[in-house]
Protein backbone atom coordinates (compact mmCIF):
# COMPACT_ATOMS: atom_id res chain seq x y z
CA MET A 1 48.54 56.41 80.05
CA VAL A 2 49.45 54.42 76.96
CA ASN A 3 47.93 50.96 77.25
CA GLN A 4 49.05 47.77 75.53
CA GLU A 5 46.48 48.09 72.73
CA GLN A 6 47.50 51.69 71.97
CA ASP A 7 51.21 51.01 71.63
CA GLY A 8 50.64 47.86 69.59
CA SER A 9 52.53 45.59 71.99
CA ASN A 10 51.45 42.36 73.60
CA ARG A 11 53.05 42.91 76.99
CA THR A 12 51.75 41.35 80.20
CA VAL A 13 53.25 43.91 82.62
CA ASP A 14 54.41 47.50 82.21
CA VAL A 15 57.43 47.48 84.52
CA VAL A 16 59.48 44.69 86.09
CA GLY A 17 61.70 45.96 88.89
CA ILE A 18 64.88 44.34 90.21
CA GLY A 19 66.48 46.02 93.21
CA ILE A 20 67.00 46.31 96.93
CA SER A 21 64.05 46.60 99.33
CA VAL A 22 64.74 48.11 102.74
CA PHE A 23 62.87 48.41 106.02
CA ASP A 24 63.46 52.07 106.92
CA GLN A 25 63.33 53.34 110.51
CA GLN A 26 63.06 57.08 109.99
CA MET A 27 63.55 59.76 112.65
CA MET A 28 62.98 63.50 112.30
CA VAL A 29 65.55 65.52 114.30
CA SER A 30 66.12 69.23 114.89
CA SER A 31 69.76 68.82 113.79
CA LEU A 32 71.88 65.90 112.65
CA PRO A 33 74.10 64.65 115.50
CA ARG A 34 77.85 64.55 115.20
CA GLU A 35 79.99 61.62 116.29
CA ASN A 36 79.53 60.72 119.99
CA GLU A 37 76.54 63.07 120.30
CA LYS A 38 72.91 62.24 121.07
CA GLU A 39 69.84 63.84 119.57
CA ARG A 40 66.21 63.40 120.61
CA ALA A 41 63.83 62.40 117.80
CA LEU A 42 60.94 64.77 117.12
CA LYS A 43 59.04 62.10 115.16
CA MET A 44 59.59 58.44 114.37
CA ARG A 45 58.09 56.28 111.65
CA ALA A 46 58.69 53.10 109.67
CA GLN A 47 58.45 52.73 105.90
CA VAL A 48 59.61 50.59 102.99
CA GLY A 49 62.51 52.12 101.11
CA GLY A 50 64.74 51.24 98.19
CA PRO A 51 65.07 52.94 94.80
CA VAL A 52 63.12 50.36 92.81
CA PRO A 53 60.25 49.60 95.25
CA THR A 54 59.58 53.32 95.76
CA ALA A 55 59.52 53.96 92.01
CA LEU A 56 57.20 50.97 91.47
CA VAL A 57 54.74 52.21 94.12
CA LEU A 58 54.55 55.56 92.32
CA LEU A 59 54.06 53.83 88.95
CA GLN A 60 51.40 51.53 90.39
CA ARG A 61 49.51 54.51 91.79
CA LEU A 62 49.77 56.25 88.41
CA GLY A 63 47.98 53.31 86.79
CA PHE A 64 50.79 51.09 85.52
CA SER A 65 51.21 47.38 86.28
CA THR A 66 54.39 46.36 88.11
CA HIS A 67 56.25 43.25 89.31
CA LEU A 68 59.15 43.24 91.81
CA ILE A 69 62.07 40.85 92.17
CA SER A 70 63.90 41.69 95.40
CA PRO A 71 65.42 39.67 98.25
CA TRP A 72 64.27 39.77 101.87
CA GLY A 73 64.25 37.33 104.75
CA THR A 74 61.58 35.82 107.00
CA ASP A 75 61.78 38.22 109.98
CA ILE A 76 59.44 40.98 111.18
CA ALA A 77 61.07 43.55 108.90
CA ALA A 78 60.44 41.24 105.92
CA ASP A 79 56.79 40.88 106.96
CA PHE A 80 56.46 44.67 106.99
CA ILE A 81 57.98 45.00 103.51
CA GLN A 82 55.80 42.26 102.02
CA ARG A 83 52.55 43.62 103.52
CA ASP A 84 53.28 47.15 102.34
CA LEU A 85 54.12 46.24 98.74
CA THR A 86 51.21 43.79 98.48
CA LYS A 87 48.85 46.50 99.73
CA GLU A 88 50.13 48.80 96.96
CA GLY A 89 49.21 46.19 94.33
CA ILE A 90 52.76 45.35 93.22
CA GLY A 91 53.23 41.79 91.99
CA LEU A 92 55.93 40.03 94.01
CA SER A 93 58.26 37.28 92.85
CA SER A 94 57.97 33.97 94.67
CA ALA A 95 61.75 34.23 95.10
CA CYS A 96 61.59 37.39 97.26
CA ARG A 97 61.20 35.65 100.60
CA GLY A 98 64.01 33.34 101.64
CA ASP A 99 66.66 32.36 104.16
CA ARG A 100 68.68 35.58 104.04
CA ASP A 101 69.12 38.97 105.71
CA THR A 102 66.46 41.61 105.21
CA GLY A 103 67.67 45.04 104.10
CA GLN A 104 67.30 47.65 106.83
CA ALA A 105 68.22 51.31 107.23
CA HIS A 106 68.28 53.98 109.92
CA VAL A 107 67.37 57.35 108.43
CA TRP A 108 67.83 60.68 110.24
CA VAL A 109 66.05 63.63 108.63
CA CYS A 110 66.92 67.22 109.65
CA GLU A 111 63.68 69.15 110.24
CA SER A 112 65.04 72.55 109.19
CA SER A 113 66.77 71.56 105.93
CA GLY A 114 65.18 68.25 104.90
CA SER A 115 68.64 66.72 104.43
CA ARG A 116 69.23 63.21 105.71
CA THR A 117 71.89 60.82 106.95
CA ILE A 118 71.45 57.09 106.32
CA VAL A 119 73.13 53.98 107.70
CA SER A 120 71.99 50.84 105.91
CA HIS A 121 72.46 47.08 105.85
CA ALA A 122 71.98 45.48 102.44
CA PRO A 123 69.97 42.28 101.94
CA GLY A 124 71.60 39.05 100.78
CA TRP A 125 71.34 38.33 97.04
CA GLU A 126 73.30 35.08 97.00
CA THR A 127 70.30 32.74 97.43
CA LEU A 128 67.92 34.56 95.07
CA VAL A 129 67.11 32.81 91.79
CA HIS A 130 64.60 34.20 89.29
CA SER A 131 61.52 32.03 89.03
CA PRO A 132 60.09 30.85 85.67
CA GLU A 133 57.35 33.49 86.10
CA ASP A 134 60.01 36.20 86.64
CA ILE A 135 61.80 35.22 83.44
CA ALA A 136 58.55 35.11 81.46
CA LEU A 137 57.60 38.59 82.68
CA GLN A 138 61.05 39.94 81.79
CA GLN A 139 60.44 38.74 78.24
CA ARG A 140 57.01 40.41 78.16
CA CYS A 141 57.54 43.69 80.06
CA ARG A 142 57.77 47.14 78.51
CA ILE A 143 60.51 48.40 80.86
CA LEU A 144 62.93 46.75 83.28
CA HIS A 145 63.81 49.10 86.13
CA THR A 146 66.87 48.24 88.20
CA ASP A 147 69.20 49.87 90.72
CA GLY A 148 72.03 47.67 89.46
CA ALA A 149 72.03 45.27 92.41
CA GLY A 150 71.83 41.53 91.84
CA GLY A 151 74.99 41.04 89.79
CA SER A 152 74.88 38.55 86.92
CA LEU A 153 71.19 37.74 87.50
CA THR A 154 70.28 41.36 86.81
CA VAL A 155 72.55 41.56 83.77
CA ALA A 156 70.92 38.41 82.36
CA ALA A 157 67.47 39.92 82.97
CA ALA A 158 68.47 43.16 81.23
CA GLN A 159 69.75 41.21 78.23
CA ARG A 160 66.50 39.23 78.16
CA VAL A 161 64.43 42.42 78.15
CA ARG A 162 66.46 44.07 75.38
CA ASP A 163 66.39 40.90 73.25
CA SER A 164 62.59 40.79 73.51
CA GLY A 165 62.15 44.44 72.51
CA GLY A 166 61.73 46.03 75.93
CA LYS A 167 63.69 48.91 77.47
CA VAL A 168 66.08 48.94 80.43
CA PHE A 169 66.16 51.83 82.90
CA VAL A 170 69.12 51.83 85.31
CA ASP A 171 69.03 53.99 88.47
CA ALA A 172 72.72 53.94 89.39
CA GLY A 173 72.74 55.52 92.82
CA SER A 174 76.22 54.16 93.45
CA PRO A 175 78.64 51.89 91.53
CA LYS A 176 77.94 48.16 91.86
CA PRO A 177 79.70 45.07 90.51
CA ALA A 178 77.33 44.86 87.53
CA THR A 179 77.34 48.58 86.67
CA LYS A 180 79.79 48.32 83.79
CA GLU A 181 77.94 45.39 82.22
CA LEU A 182 74.57 47.15 82.50
CA MET A 183 75.65 50.34 80.72
CA PRO A 184 75.54 48.95 77.15
CA LEU A 185 72.13 47.41 77.89
CA ALA A 186 70.62 50.62 79.28
CA SER A 187 68.00 52.54 77.35
CA VAL A 188 68.39 55.20 80.05
CA PHE A 189 71.21 55.26 82.60
CA SER A 190 70.43 57.71 85.42
CA PHE A 191 73.13 58.66 87.91
CA PRO A 192 73.62 61.27 90.65
CA GLU A 193 76.44 63.81 90.61
CA ARG A 194 78.53 61.81 93.11
CA PHE A 195 78.59 58.80 90.76
CA ALA A 196 80.94 60.66 88.40
CA GLN A 197 83.57 60.83 91.14
CA GLN A 198 82.94 57.33 92.48
CA PHE A 199 82.95 55.49 89.16
CA TYR A 200 85.02 57.69 86.83
CA GLU A 201 87.09 59.60 89.42
CA THR A 202 86.12 62.95 87.98
CA GLY A 203 84.06 65.91 89.15
CA ASP A 204 83.13 66.66 85.53
CA THR A 205 79.57 65.31 85.23
CA ASP A 206 79.42 66.11 81.50
CA ALA A 207 82.51 64.00 80.89
CA ALA A 208 80.94 61.20 82.93
CA GLY A 209 77.67 61.42 81.01
CA LEU A 210 79.47 61.21 77.68
CA ARG A 211 81.48 58.23 78.90
CA VAL A 212 78.24 56.44 79.79
CA LEU A 213 77.12 56.97 76.19
CA GLU A 214 80.46 55.70 74.92
CA ALA A 215 79.93 52.56 77.03
CA GLY A 216 76.78 51.88 75.01
CA ALA A 217 73.83 53.42 76.85
CA ASP A 218 71.18 54.97 74.58
CA ALA A 219 70.85 57.98 76.89
CA ALA A 220 72.23 59.17 80.23
CA VAL A 221 70.77 61.49 82.86
CA CYS A 222 72.77 63.11 85.66
CA THR A 223 70.76 64.43 88.60
CA LEU A 224 72.15 67.57 90.25
CA GLY A 225 69.79 68.20 93.16
CA GLU A 226 68.63 71.80 93.33
CA ARG A 227 70.43 72.47 90.02
CA GLY A 228 68.17 70.12 88.12
CA ALA A 229 69.41 67.43 85.73
CA ARG A 230 71.57 67.06 82.61
CA ILE A 231 70.52 64.81 79.72
CA TYR A 232 73.06 63.20 77.38
CA SER A 233 71.68 61.75 74.17
CA GLY A 234 73.50 61.46 70.85
CA ASN A 235 75.44 64.69 70.41
CA ASP A 236 73.05 66.69 72.61
CA ILE A 237 73.42 67.85 76.21
CA VAL A 238 70.23 69.37 77.65
CA GLN A 239 69.87 71.09 81.04
CA VAL A 240 66.51 70.61 82.77
CA PRO A 241 65.99 72.95 85.76
CA ALA A 242 64.67 71.79 89.11
CA PHE A 243 61.40 73.07 90.54
CA SER A 244 61.69 75.56 93.39
CA ILE A 245 60.18 74.10 96.58
CA LYS A 246 60.71 74.12 100.35
CA THR A 247 62.23 70.73 101.14
CA VAL A 248 60.78 68.86 104.11
CA ASP A 249 62.29 65.42 103.39
CA SER A 250 64.62 64.60 100.49
CA THR A 251 64.73 60.86 101.30
CA GLY A 252 63.67 58.96 98.19
CA ALA A 253 63.70 62.04 95.94
CA GLY A 254 65.87 60.30 93.35
CA ASP A 255 63.71 57.18 93.48
CA VAL A 256 60.58 59.22 92.76
CA PHE A 257 62.41 61.15 90.03
CA CYS A 258 63.11 57.87 88.24
CA GLY A 259 59.54 56.63 88.73
CA GLY A 260 58.18 59.87 87.29
CA MET A 261 60.58 59.70 84.37
CA ILE A 262 59.63 56.08 83.62
CA SER A 263 55.94 57.06 83.62
CA GLY A 264 56.70 59.62 80.93
CA LEU A 265 58.60 57.09 78.82
CA LEU A 266 55.70 54.62 79.15
CA GLU A 267 53.36 57.30 77.85
CA GLY A 268 55.50 57.96 74.79
CA GLU A 269 57.07 61.23 75.90
CA SER A 270 60.52 62.33 74.77
CA ILE A 271 63.39 61.93 77.18
CA VAL A 272 63.39 65.70 77.90
CA GLN A 273 59.66 65.66 78.67
CA SER A 274 60.12 62.55 80.80
CA VAL A 275 62.92 64.15 82.81
CA ARG A 276 60.74 67.22 83.43
CA ARG A 277 57.98 64.89 84.66
CA GLY A 278 60.46 63.14 86.94
CA ALA A 279 61.66 66.49 88.30
CA ALA A 280 58.08 67.55 89.03
CA ALA A 281 57.29 64.27 90.78
CA SER A 282 60.45 64.53 92.88
CA ALA A 283 59.75 68.14 93.87
CA ILE A 284 56.23 67.29 95.06
CA LYS A 285 57.54 64.34 97.06
CA CYS A 286 60.11 66.52 98.86
CA ARG A 287 57.37 68.78 100.27
CA THR A 288 56.13 66.01 102.61
CA LEU A 289 57.79 63.57 105.03
CA GLY A 290 58.13 59.96 103.93
CA ASN A 291 57.80 58.06 100.66
CA ARG A 292 54.14 57.01 100.71
CA GLU A 293 52.00 59.97 101.81
CA ALA A 294 54.45 62.19 99.94
CA LEU A 295 54.06 60.48 96.56
CA PRO A 296 52.47 62.76 93.96
CA THR A 297 49.25 62.07 92.12
CA ARG A 298 48.95 62.31 88.34
CA GLU A 299 46.95 65.53 88.77
CA GLN A 300 49.59 67.12 91.02
CA ILE A 301 52.34 66.35 88.52
CA GLN A 302 50.33 67.74 85.62
CA THR A 303 49.44 70.88 87.58
CA LEU A 304 53.05 71.61 88.48
CA LEU A 305 54.21 71.01 84.91
CA ALA A 306 51.46 73.27 83.55
CA SER A 307 52.22 76.05 86.03
CA SER A 308 55.92 76.01 85.17
CA ALA A 309 55.16 76.11 81.43
CA SER A 310 52.94 79.19 81.83
CA SER A 311 55.27 81.11 84.14
């Protein structure tokens, strides 16, 4: 890990995260039910989900300091989210808890394939206002990590981070109202294959990646599942292969990929090295159910990377 003294900065936190937090009710099933069918759950569990919180938990466990700005309510689901993230050591904004809906999701995971179907309810952002502490940390963080939710508040935070010399990492799982405004502020803009069709109405992921660069992002990464990831930077397009594993649960794989990639960037790795680290972290996560017990350790990531380099 590169600490503040080593990189010559005077930052007070490594990563500030802005994104959705969700109370996940996860069920393992033998097969995913079709419409008007019933399926008995083999296992049932609750967890905290959301692209940014999951990535921050991984980063916190890898030794980085983190702070989360995310809206939730005052109900039982909100209590669960707050206890879990506090236990993990993540700093929480005083603005997180408020008079609003808490994000929730029902997640069905197919036991045989590890694929999943999700129905979710997003939290309310309308009443969230960044506290003075949040703004100060944005001006002193090394990386802002966001899933693009939060509209103009998130865009303002990204601008604040870039103006103060920090980097902005955008995990664009799906298009959001602020997506277009965040692209020119992004140091890295990561998007899944489906984003190309949803945002640019094209199945050509290379064309989409190049358009993200044209919009002003320093670099773009397209995740392709079992086919790995494509990196777009300057005039270069680099293919990074996925690791071969037996998938038990793919829920949160992209979140962990981004967390792993951010850890590489924090340690001064190149974007290609960082993407390989993210791919290794994601592969290890997919071997186990859930997004807490399944999170990889630093040693597991290094071992997988070393084994792939020697094979």
